[in-house]
């Protein structure tokens, strides 16, 4: 049975009316810019990929130049802010993946399949592996490091050495660390704040749950416990506050899982089959389905579970066969814990390239048909609930930390901003910000996780709004519609 590449069925986007749009933006009331009760002379930002400007699956020049931190620092200049130096990656395309002949490929771009007309993300070539940082480390302001968690932000191993026995190693931090293998990210950021810093942004914690989620909740060891998160947050944020007792700051929280296109682009019924393919696949599951009926009759499973586990394909779009460890363990009777996906499941974006494809080069083992989709590709309903509960707990700790330091900190509720974007209630100049990758209004870059430049402008405006409200400042907002979203298909 030969399957078409499933990507052709996932990114069926219409671009008939799209163009590189520029929209008007209502100007703020004409008032003299003022810092109010805060001081923005030198801002220091610490965070992960969101602060770094990671977009389209990589860190590259345009992304770095359009992070919310860079946009925010530019607006601070209207009220006395100074330069904001970033650890430039010096790459037009960044590095996404190794391609044919061990050639690095760069950022994701929208491409049109010349055969099918389907549109979807694909890496551009060539790309660049991260090179050494050639700037002045002592003058850096942006300490956003892709992939960093609260734990790795606090330990020297993040800066090196690059060795198999050091899983904490992060090349993005190693290239800019003040003393690789000795210094820490939090320590470097705190040192910059102590050296004349007056204001800081803090956005850490996302990766303490995101990595677990994007891996289909298949590796519980990387999910931070509530106790560890609270302690590490207190350590990291406390270090920043202690670095300069006069400095004020804005702290951002963690977005909800269901707003990320990474978990929404591959539908639960993403498996297209012809009538002949469905018939052939069903023949292979006759013994399995018959055994389920017998086990129900013996009282070993309920009728509801038998129905859930029964595999049945039809012509057209189908749920894919997948692992489900929450099912009754029938391994002793020779039956795997499998079922077909349904609307309660969330597939990860990585499944798009694997679904319907041969496993291990064996044409008889087609992932999602004759071979079950593995745990790392799907979030079960119970796993979604676990992740959402974790996000709620972490955000509670973040909010409590801000409240405990209310004289110096303000919360930027990015979770709320993106929740509203998902309902279509965030806009600028009449143009909506959507929780999608679809240009021109889609707010997420093509990796389905990280905001694009236009969304970063909305995030910067959120920071400006809460800062203005908290400290009586009048920092002008930016026009998000002047920032590029995702490029049109090539």
Protein backbone atom coordinates (compact mmCIF):
# COMPACT_ATOMS: atom_id res chain seq x y z
CA UNK A 1 0.00 0.00 0.00
CA UNK A 2 1.55 3.28 -1.10
CA UNK A 3 0.66 6.43 0.80
CA UNK A 4 0.90 10.02 -0.39
CA UNK A 5 2.95 12.41 1.71
CA UNK A 6 0.58 13.53 4.44
CA UNK A 7 1.99 17.09 4.37
CA UNK A 8 0.00 17.65 1.20
CA UNK A 9 -3.20 17.37 3.21
CA UNK A 10 -2.30 19.48 6.20
CA UNK A 11 -1.32 22.89 4.91
CA UNK A 12 -4.11 23.53 2.44
CA UNK A 13 -4.01 27.31 2.66
CA UNK A 14 -5.54 29.79 0.27
CA UNK A 15 -3.41 32.78 -0.65
CA UNK A 16 -5.50 34.29 -3.43
CA UNK A 17 -5.95 37.69 -1.74
CA UNK A 18 -2.73 37.90 0.22
CA UNK A 19 -0.18 40.63 -0.18
CA UNK A 20 2.51 42.34 1.85
CA UNK A 21 0.06 44.57 3.69
CA UNK A 22 0.67 47.72 5.68
CA UNK A 23 -2.16 48.95 7.89
CA UNK A 24 -2.87 52.16 9.70
CA UNK A 25 -2.55 52.24 13.46
CA UNK A 26 -4.36 54.61 15.80
CA UNK A 27 -1.76 56.89 17.34
CA UNK A 28 -1.58 57.29 21.10
CA UNK A 29 -2.88 60.53 22.51
CA UNK A 30 -0.42 63.33 21.84
CA UNK A 31 1.24 63.59 25.21
CA UNK A 32 4.85 64.21 26.05
CA UNK A 33 6.64 60.89 26.54
CA UNK A 34 7.63 60.46 30.17
CA UNK A 35 9.15 57.62 32.22
CA UNK A 36 6.86 58.30 35.15
CA UNK A 37 8.16 56.71 38.34
CA UNK A 38 10.47 54.30 36.49
CA UNK A 39 13.90 54.70 34.93
CA UNK A 40 14.62 53.14 31.52
CA UNK A 41 18.17 54.38 31.01
CA UNK A 42 19.51 50.84 30.71
CA UNK A 43 17.27 47.82 30.19
CA UNK A 44 18.42 44.23 30.64
CA UNK A 45 16.30 41.33 29.35
CA UNK A 46 16.58 37.72 30.46
CA UNK A 47 14.59 34.87 29.00
CA UNK A 48 14.51 32.02 26.53
CA UNK A 49 13.80 31.82 22.79
CA UNK A 50 10.92 34.28 23.11
CA UNK A 51 13.24 36.98 24.38
CA UNK A 52 15.96 36.04 21.89
CA UNK A 53 13.65 36.45 18.87
CA UNK A 54 13.77 32.80 17.81
CA UNK A 55 11.37 32.37 14.86
CA UNK A 56 10.68 29.94 12.04
CA UNK A 57 12.52 27.14 13.78
CA UNK A 58 15.81 28.96 14.30
CA UNK A 59 17.61 32.08 15.46
CA UNK A 60 18.44 34.40 12.58
CA UNK A 61 19.02 38.08 11.97
CA UNK A 62 15.47 39.20 11.24
CA UNK A 63 14.11 37.35 14.23
CA UNK A 64 16.69 38.80 16.60
CA UNK A 65 16.07 42.31 15.29
CA UNK A 66 12.32 42.00 15.88
CA UNK A 67 12.07 40.41 19.31
CA UNK A 68 9.71 42.12 21.75
CA UNK A 69 12.76 43.11 23.83
CA UNK A 70 14.40 44.96 20.95
CA UNK A 71 11.10 46.66 20.05
CA UNK A 72 10.53 47.61 23.68
CA UNK A 73 14.03 49.03 24.05
CA UNK A 74 13.52 51.17 20.97
CA UNK A 75 10.37 52.67 22.49
CA UNK A 76 12.18 53.26 25.77
CA UNK A 77 14.51 55.60 23.90
CA UNK A 78 11.64 58.11 23.81
CA UNK A 79 11.84 58.33 27.60
CA UNK A 80 15.61 58.29 28.06
CA UNK A 81 16.46 54.68 27.25
CA UNK A 82 19.89 53.82 25.87
CA UNK A 83 21.33 51.28 23.47
CA UNK A 84 20.18 47.67 23.63
CA UNK A 85 22.90 45.27 22.53
CA UNK A 86 22.10 41.72 21.44
CA UNK A 87 24.47 38.77 20.84
CA UNK A 88 24.13 38.92 17.06
CA UNK A 89 23.92 35.54 15.36
CA UNK A 90 25.10 37.09 12.06
CA UNK A 91 23.05 34.75 9.87
CA UNK A 92 20.36 35.55 7.33
CA UNK A 93 18.77 32.09 7.58
CA UNK A 94 20.06 30.54 10.80
CA UNK A 95 20.23 26.77 11.22
CA UNK A 96 17.15 24.54 11.27
CA UNK A 97 18.30 21.05 10.28
CA UNK A 98 20.99 19.16 8.41
CA UNK A 99 19.96 18.49 4.82
CA UNK A 100 21.26 16.23 2.06
CA UNK A 101 25.02 15.71 1.91
CA UNK A 102 25.30 17.00 5.48
CA UNK A 103 24.46 20.52 4.32
CA UNK A 104 22.90 22.82 6.94
CA UNK A 105 19.47 24.17 6.05
CA UNK A 106 18.06 27.39 7.43
CA UNK A 107 14.77 28.85 8.64
CA UNK A 108 11.35 27.60 7.65
CA UNK A 109 9.57 29.33 4.77
CA UNK A 110 6.20 28.72 3.15
CA UNK A 111 6.57 26.77 -0.08
CA UNK A 112 4.11 25.60 -2.69
CA UNK A 113 4.30 22.00 -3.85
CA UNK A 114 4.52 22.25 -7.67
CA UNK A 115 2.68 18.95 -8.08
CA UNK A 116 -0.18 19.26 -5.59
CA UNK A 117 -0.39 23.00 -5.07
CA UNK A 118 -0.39 22.42 -1.30
CA UNK A 119 1.36 25.03 0.83
CA UNK A 120 3.44 24.30 3.91
CA UNK A 121 6.64 25.15 5.81
CA UNK A 122 9.96 23.81 4.56
CA UNK A 123 13.56 24.75 5.42
CA UNK A 124 15.37 27.17 3.17
CA UNK A 125 18.93 26.57 2.02
CA UNK A 126 21.61 27.18 2.84
CA UNK A 127 21.73 27.66 6.59
CA UNK A 128 24.48 28.49 9.06
CA UNK A 129 25.55 26.72 12.21
CA UNK A 130 25.85 29.16 15.16
CA UNK A 131 29.24 30.85 15.01
CA UNK A 132 31.28 32.47 17.77
CA UNK A 133 30.12 35.74 19.27
CA UNK A 134 32.48 38.53 18.23
CA UNK A 135 30.91 41.42 20.12
CA UNK A 136 31.65 42.87 23.54
CA UNK A 137 30.16 40.59 26.20
CA UNK A 138 30.30 43.22 28.92
CA UNK A 139 27.96 45.52 26.97
CA UNK A 140 25.18 42.99 26.26
CA UNK A 141 21.61 43.78 27.22
CA UNK A 142 19.68 40.82 25.78
CA UNK A 143 20.19 37.55 27.64
CA UNK A 144 17.53 35.56 25.82
CA UNK A 145 18.76 32.01 25.20
CA UNK A 146 16.75 29.52 23.10
CA UNK A 147 16.01 26.28 24.93
CA UNK A 148 16.95 27.45 28.40
CA UNK A 149 14.87 26.39 31.41
CA UNK A 150 14.89 27.90 34.88
CA UNK A 151 17.28 25.14 35.94
CA UNK A 152 19.75 25.61 33.09
CA UNK A 153 19.62 29.38 33.52
CA UNK A 154 21.06 28.86 36.99
CA UNK A 155 23.90 26.37 36.38
CA UNK A 156 27.39 26.83 34.85
CA UNK A 157 27.15 23.61 32.81
CA UNK A 158 24.88 25.41 30.35
CA UNK A 159 27.94 27.24 29.05
CA UNK A 160 30.05 24.12 28.56
CA UNK A 161 31.82 21.92 27.99
CA UNK A 162 30.13 20.48 24.93
CA UNK A 163 30.39 16.83 25.89
CA UNK A 164 28.07 13.80 26.00
CA UNK A 165 28.14 13.85 29.79
CA UNK A 166 26.82 17.41 29.87
CA UNK A 167 23.21 17.43 28.64
CA UNK A 168 22.78 20.99 29.92
CA UNK A 169 25.19 22.42 27.31
CA UNK A 170 23.57 25.17 25.24
CA UNK A 171 25.55 26.52 22.26
CA UNK A 172 23.59 29.78 22.25
CA UNK A 173 24.68 30.55 25.79
CA UNK A 174 28.20 29.16 25.37
CA UNK A 175 28.93 31.61 22.55
CA UNK A 176 28.11 34.66 24.71
CA UNK A 177 28.81 33.50 28.28
CA UNK A 178 31.14 35.77 30.25
CA UNK A 179 33.07 32.70 31.37
CA UNK A 180 31.88 29.51 29.62
CA UNK A 181 31.55 26.59 32.01
CA UNK A 182 31.85 28.85 35.04
CA UNK A 183 29.34 31.69 34.65
CA UNK A 184 25.55 31.29 34.55
CA UNK A 185 22.94 32.99 32.42
CA UNK A 186 21.21 34.50 35.44
CA UNK A 187 24.55 35.59 36.83
CA UNK A 188 25.54 37.31 33.59
CA UNK A 189 22.20 39.10 33.32
CA UNK A 190 22.36 40.17 36.95
CA UNK A 191 25.89 41.49 36.44
CA UNK A 192 24.67 43.58 33.49
CA UNK A 193 21.83 44.93 35.62
CA UNK A 194 24.22 45.72 38.47
CA UNK A 195 26.42 47.64 36.02
CA UNK A 196 24.17 50.67 35.64
CA UNK A 197 20.95 48.80 34.82
CA UNK A 198 17.70 50.50 35.73
CA UNK A 199 14.98 48.24 34.33
CA UNK A 200 14.67 44.57 33.35
CA UNK A 201 12.30 42.14 31.66
CA UNK A 202 12.06 38.55 32.87
CA UNK A 203 10.46 35.79 30.80
CA UNK A 204 11.64 32.38 31.93
CA UNK A 205 9.64 29.22 32.67
CA UNK A 206 8.06 28.40 29.29
CA UNK A 207 10.54 25.63 28.54
CA UNK A 208 9.89 24.00 31.89
CA UNK A 209 6.67 22.68 30.39
CA UNK A 210 6.94 23.30 26.62
CA UNK A 211 9.61 20.69 25.92
CA UNK A 212 7.49 18.05 27.63
CA UNK A 213 4.45 19.09 25.60
CA UNK A 214 6.13 19.28 22.18
CA UNK A 215 7.51 15.78 22.76
CA UNK A 216 4.01 14.39 23.17
CA UNK A 217 4.41 14.13 26.96
CA UNK A 218 6.58 11.08 26.33
CA UNK A 219 9.45 12.07 28.65
CA UNK A 220 8.19 12.86 32.17
CA UNK A 221 11.76 13.42 33.33
CA UNK A 222 11.95 16.81 31.64
CA UNK A 223 8.75 18.19 33.18
CA UNK A 224 9.65 20.50 36.07
CA UNK A 225 7.92 19.79 39.36
CA UNK A 226 5.94 22.51 41.09
CA UNK A 227 8.40 22.60 43.98
CA UNK A 228 11.43 22.92 41.72
CA UNK A 229 9.76 25.58 39.58
CA UNK A 230 8.85 27.71 42.56
CA UNK A 231 12.33 27.42 44.07
CA UNK A 232 14.14 28.11 40.79
CA UNK A 233 11.87 31.03 39.97
CA UNK A 234 12.58 32.53 43.38
CA UNK A 235 16.31 32.03 42.84
CA UNK A 236 16.42 33.53 39.34
CA UNK A 237 14.06 36.43 39.95
CA UNK A 238 15.55 37.08 43.37
CA UNK A 239 19.03 37.33 41.85
CA UNK A 240 17.82 39.93 39.36
CA UNK A 241 16.07 41.96 42.05
CA UNK A 242 19.12 41.86 44.29
CA UNK A 243 21.49 42.92 41.51
CA UNK A 244 20.20 46.48 41.70
CA UNK A 245 17.72 47.25 44.47
CA UNK A 246 16.53 50.37 42.65
CA UNK A 247 15.74 48.66 39.33
CA UNK A 248 12.16 47.87 38.40
CA UNK A 249 11.02 45.10 36.08
CA UNK A 250 8.26 43.47 34.05
CA UNK A 251 7.67 39.71 34.24
CA UNK A 252 5.81 37.68 31.61
CA UNK A 253 3.94 34.41 32.10
CA UNK A 254 3.40 31.19 30.11
CA UNK A 255 0.92 30.91 27.20
CA UNK A 256 -1.67 28.16 27.10
CA UNK A 257 -1.05 25.04 25.07
CA UNK A 258 -4.16 25.32 22.91
CA UNK A 259 -3.14 28.62 21.32
CA UNK A 260 -0.02 27.15 19.68
CA UNK A 261 -0.43 26.10 16.03
CA UNK A 262 2.13 23.36 16.74
CA UNK A 263 -0.70 21.42 18.35
CA UNK A 264 -3.45 22.49 15.94
CA UNK A 265 -2.05 22.18 12.41
CA UNK A 266 -2.29 18.39 12.13
CA UNK A 267 -5.96 17.39 12.51
CA UNK A 268 -6.95 14.21 14.32
CA UNK A 269 -8.33 12.79 11.05
CA UNK A 270 -5.31 13.70 8.93
CA UNK A 271 -5.00 10.27 7.30
CA UNK A 272 -6.44 10.15 3.74
CA UNK A 273 -7.22 6.72 2.31
CA UNK A 274 -8.83 5.48 -0.87
CA UNK A 275 -11.54 2.82 -0.68
CA UNK A 276 -9.02 0.15 -1.71
CA UNK A 277 -6.48 1.29 0.87
CA UNK A 278 -9.11 1.34 3.62
CA UNK A 279 -10.29 -2.16 2.71
CA UNK A 280 -6.77 -3.55 2.72
CA UNK A 281 -5.98 -1.94 6.07
CA UNK A 282 -9.21 -3.24 7.64
CA UNK A 283 -8.34 -6.81 6.63
CA UNK A 284 -5.16 -6.55 8.68
CA UNK A 285 -7.11 -5.61 11.82
CA UNK A 286 -9.80 -8.32 11.63
CA UNK A 287 -8.04 -10.59 14.19
CA UNK A 288 -7.43 -7.66 16.53
CA UNK A 289 -11.05 -6.47 16.40
CA UNK A 290 -12.33 -10.03 16.85
CA UNK A 291 -10.15 -10.49 19.94
CA UNK A 292 -11.58 -7.29 21.43
CA UNK A 293 -15.10 -8.66 21.03
CA UNK A 294 -14.10 -11.85 22.84
CA UNK A 295 -12.47 -9.93 25.67
CA UNK A 296 -15.59 -7.85 26.15
CA UNK A 297 -17.68 -10.99 26.30
CA UNK A 298 -15.32 -12.31 28.97
CA UNK A 299 -15.78 -9.14 31.00
CA UNK A 300 -12.16 -8.03 30.67
CA UNK A 301 -13.00 -4.77 28.92
CA UNK A 302 -16.17 -2.71 28.74
CA UNK A 303 -18.26 -2.19 25.63
CA UNK A 304 -17.12 1.43 25.61
CA UNK A 305 -13.45 0.43 25.57
CA UNK A 306 -14.03 -2.17 22.88
CA UNK A 307 -15.62 0.53 20.71
CA UNK A 308 -12.77 2.95 21.43
CA UNK A 309 -10.12 0.37 20.55
CA UNK A 310 -11.77 -1.01 17.42
CA UNK A 311 -9.83 -0.11 14.25
CA UNK A 312 -11.94 0.74 11.21
CA UNK A 313 -10.88 2.74 8.16
CA UNK A 314 -13.10 4.31 5.50
CA UNK A 315 -12.54 6.01 2.17
CA UNK A 316 -11.62 9.65 2.87
CA UNK A 317 -10.12 11.20 6.00
CA UNK A 318 -9.42 8.87 8.93
CA UNK A 319 -8.13 8.91 12.43
CA UNK A 320 -4.70 7.31 12.64
CA UNK A 321 -3.77 4.25 14.69
CA UNK A 322 -1.87 5.39 17.78
CA UNK A 323 -0.49 4.19 21.07
CA UNK A 324 -2.52 4.92 24.23
CA UNK A 325 -1.01 3.83 27.52
CA UNK A 326 -4.20 4.73 29.39
CA UNK A 327 -6.05 1.78 27.87
CA UNK A 328 -6.43 -1.50 29.75
CA UNK A 329 -3.17 -3.41 29.45
CA UNK A 330 -3.93 -6.46 27.33
CA UNK A 331 -0.30 -7.25 26.55
CA UNK A 332 -0.53 -10.58 28.33
CA UNK A 333 -3.11 -11.61 25.77
CA UNK A 334 -1.05 -10.43 22.85
CA UNK A 335 -2.98 -7.23 22.17
CA UNK A 336 -1.28 -3.83 22.02
CA UNK A 337 -2.66 -0.70 23.68
CA UNK A 338 -3.74 1.03 20.48
CA UNK A 339 -6.75 2.84 19.08
CA UNK A 340 -7.57 5.36 16.38
CA UNK A 341 -7.21 9.07 17.09
CA UNK A 342 -10.29 11.15 17.74
CA UNK A 343 -11.19 14.80 18.13
CA UNK A 344 -10.01 14.87 21.76
CA UNK A 345 -6.41 14.12 20.77
CA UNK A 346 -3.81 16.71 19.74
CA UNK A 347 -1.10 15.70 17.29
CA UNK A 348 2.23 17.51 17.25
CA UNK A 349 3.43 19.29 14.14
CA UNK A 350 6.25 16.75 13.76
CA UNK A 351 3.68 14.08 12.86
CA UNK A 352 3.05 15.85 9.56
CA UNK A 353 6.28 14.49 8.09
CA UNK A 354 5.91 10.99 9.58
CA UNK A 355 2.24 10.05 9.18
CA UNK A 356 1.60 7.49 6.46
CA UNK A 357 5.31 7.00 5.83
CA UNK A 358 7.26 3.70 6.03
CA UNK A 359 8.88 2.99 9.38
CA UNK A 360 12.50 1.93 9.14
CA UNK A 361 12.22 1.78 5.37
CA UNK A 362 9.73 -1.11 5.56
CA UNK A 363 6.86 -0.47 3.10
CA UNK A 364 4.65 -2.86 5.10
CA UNK A 365 4.92 -0.69 8.21
CA UNK A 366 3.10 2.55 7.51
CA UNK A 367 2.94 4.90 10.48
CA UNK A 368 -0.67 5.45 11.50
CA UNK A 369 -2.00 2.51 9.45
CA UNK A 370 -0.18 -0.77 9.99
CA UNK A 371 2.19 0.74 12.57
CA UNK A 372 0.83 2.80 15.50
CA UNK A 373 1.86 6.43 15.87
CA UNK A 374 4.23 6.65 18.82
CA UNK A 375 3.62 8.52 22.07
CA UNK A 376 5.90 11.43 21.18
CA UNK A 377 3.63 12.50 18.33
CA UNK A 378 0.31 12.83 20.20
CA UNK A 379 -1.04 14.40 23.36
CA UNK A 380 -3.80 12.31 24.93
CA UNK A 381 -6.66 14.13 26.70
CA UNK A 382 -5.18 13.20 30.08
CA UNK A 383 -1.79 14.57 29.03
CA UNK A 384 -3.37 17.81 27.83
CA UNK A 385 -5.05 18.20 31.20
CA UNK A 386 -1.77 17.49 32.98
CA UNK A 387 0.06 20.12 30.92
CA UNK A 388 -2.67 22.71 31.37
CA UNK A 389 -2.66 22.11 35.11
CA UNK A 390 1.11 22.58 35.13
CA UNK A 391 0.85 25.85 33.17
CA UNK A 392 -1.78 27.08 35.62
CA UNK A 393 0.45 26.22 38.58
CA UNK A 394 3.53 27.84 37.07
CA UNK A 395 1.61 30.99 36.19
CA UNK A 396 0.29 31.08 39.72
CA UNK A 397 3.84 31.05 41.06
CA UNK A 398 4.84 33.80 38.62
CA UNK A 399 1.88 35.98 39.61
CA UNK A 400 2.59 35.43 43.30
CA UNK A 401 6.25 36.41 42.86
CA UNK A 402 5.22 39.63 41.12
CA UNK A 403 2.66 40.40 43.83
CA UNK A 404 5.26 39.79 46.54
CA UNK A 405 7.43 42.47 44.91
CA UNK A 406 4.62 44.73 43.76
CA UNK A 407 6.59 47.90 44.42
CA UNK A 408 9.19 46.89 41.82
CA UNK A 409 7.51 44.43 39.46
CA UNK A 410 4.55 44.32 37.10
CA UNK A 411 3.04 41.30 35.32
CA UNK A 412 2.78 41.20 31.52
CA UNK A 413 -0.03 38.70 31.01
CA UNK A 414 1.03 37.22 27.66
CA UNK A 415 -1.15 34.18 28.36
CA UNK A 416 -4.22 36.40 28.30
CA UNK A 417 -3.02 38.24 25.18
CA UNK A 418 -2.63 35.02 23.19
CA UNK A 419 -5.88 33.58 24.57
CA UNK A 420 -7.63 36.65 23.20
CA UNK A 421 -5.76 36.30 19.90
CA UNK A 422 -7.13 32.78 19.62
CA UNK A 423 -10.66 34.19 19.82
CA UNK A 424 -9.97 36.94 17.29
CA UNK A 425 -10.26 39.77 19.80
CA UNK A 426 -6.77 41.29 19.42
CA UNK A 427 -6.27 43.81 16.67
CA UNK A 428 -4.47 46.95 15.58
CA UNK A 429 -5.80 49.42 13.06
CA UNK A 430 -8.73 47.10 12.40
CA UNK A 431 -6.42 44.19 11.52
CA UNK A 432 -6.70 41.09 13.70
CA UNK A 433 -3.88 39.10 15.23
CA UNK A 434 -4.70 35.40 14.80
CA UNK A 435 -3.26 32.34 16.54
CA UNK A 436 -2.12 30.81 13.25
CA UNK A 437 0.76 30.75 10.77
CA UNK A 438 -1.39 32.06 7.91
CA UNK A 439 -0.20 35.43 6.54
CA UNK A 440 -0.78 38.27 6.78
CA UNK A 441 -2.54 38.18 10.19
CA UNK A 442 -1.15 34.97 11.65
CA UNK A 443 0.84 35.74 14.79
CA UNK A 444 2.99 32.62 14.96
CA UNK A 445 6.10 31.91 12.96
CA UNK A 446 6.27 28.80 10.82
CA UNK A 447 7.51 26.52 13.60
CA UNK A 448 4.05 26.84 15.17
CA UNK A 449 5.43 27.72 18.61
CA UNK A 450 7.23 31.08 18.48
CA UNK A 451 5.58 34.41 17.68
CA UNK A 452 6.59 36.20 14.49
CA UNK A 453 7.71 39.84 14.34
CA UNK A 454 4.16 41.20 14.11
CA UNK A 455 3.09 39.30 17.23
CA UNK A 456 6.26 40.42 19.03
CA UNK A 457 5.11 44.00 18.42
CA UNK A 458 1.79 43.21 20.12
CA UNK A 459 3.72 41.67 23.02
CA UNK A 460 5.91 44.79 23.26
CA UNK A 461 2.76 46.92 23.38
CA UNK A 462 1.43 44.74 26.21
CA UNK A 463 4.61 45.42 28.18
CA UNK A 464 4.28 49.13 27.44
CA UNK A 465 0.65 49.21 28.56
CA UNK A 466 1.28 47.56 31.93
CA UNK A 467 4.42 49.63 32.53
CA UNK A 468 2.58 52.86 31.72
CA UNK A 469 -0.27 51.89 34.02
CA UNK A 470 1.96 50.75 36.87
CA UNK A 471 4.38 53.65 37.01
CA UNK A 472 2.50 56.51 35.41
CA UNK A 473 4.74 56.50 32.34
CA UNK A 474 3.78 57.57 28.85
CA UNK A 475 5.81 55.34 26.55
CA UNK A 476 4.40 55.36 23.00
CA UNK A 477 3.17 52.07 21.59
CA UNK A 478 4.36 50.73 18.25
CA UNK A 479 2.27 49.98 15.17
CA UNK A 480 2.22 46.16 14.95
CA UNK A 481 1.08 46.40 11.34
CA UNK A 482 4.43 47.93 10.41
CA UNK A 483 6.14 44.67 11.38
CA UNK A 484 6.36 41.76 8.99
CA UNK A 485 4.37 38.64 9.67
CA UNK A 486 5.09 35.42 7.81
CA UNK A 487 6.40 35.72 4.27
CA UNK A 488 4.14 34.75 1.40
CA UNK A 489 4.76 31.35 -0.21
CA UNK A 490 7.72 30.94 -2.54
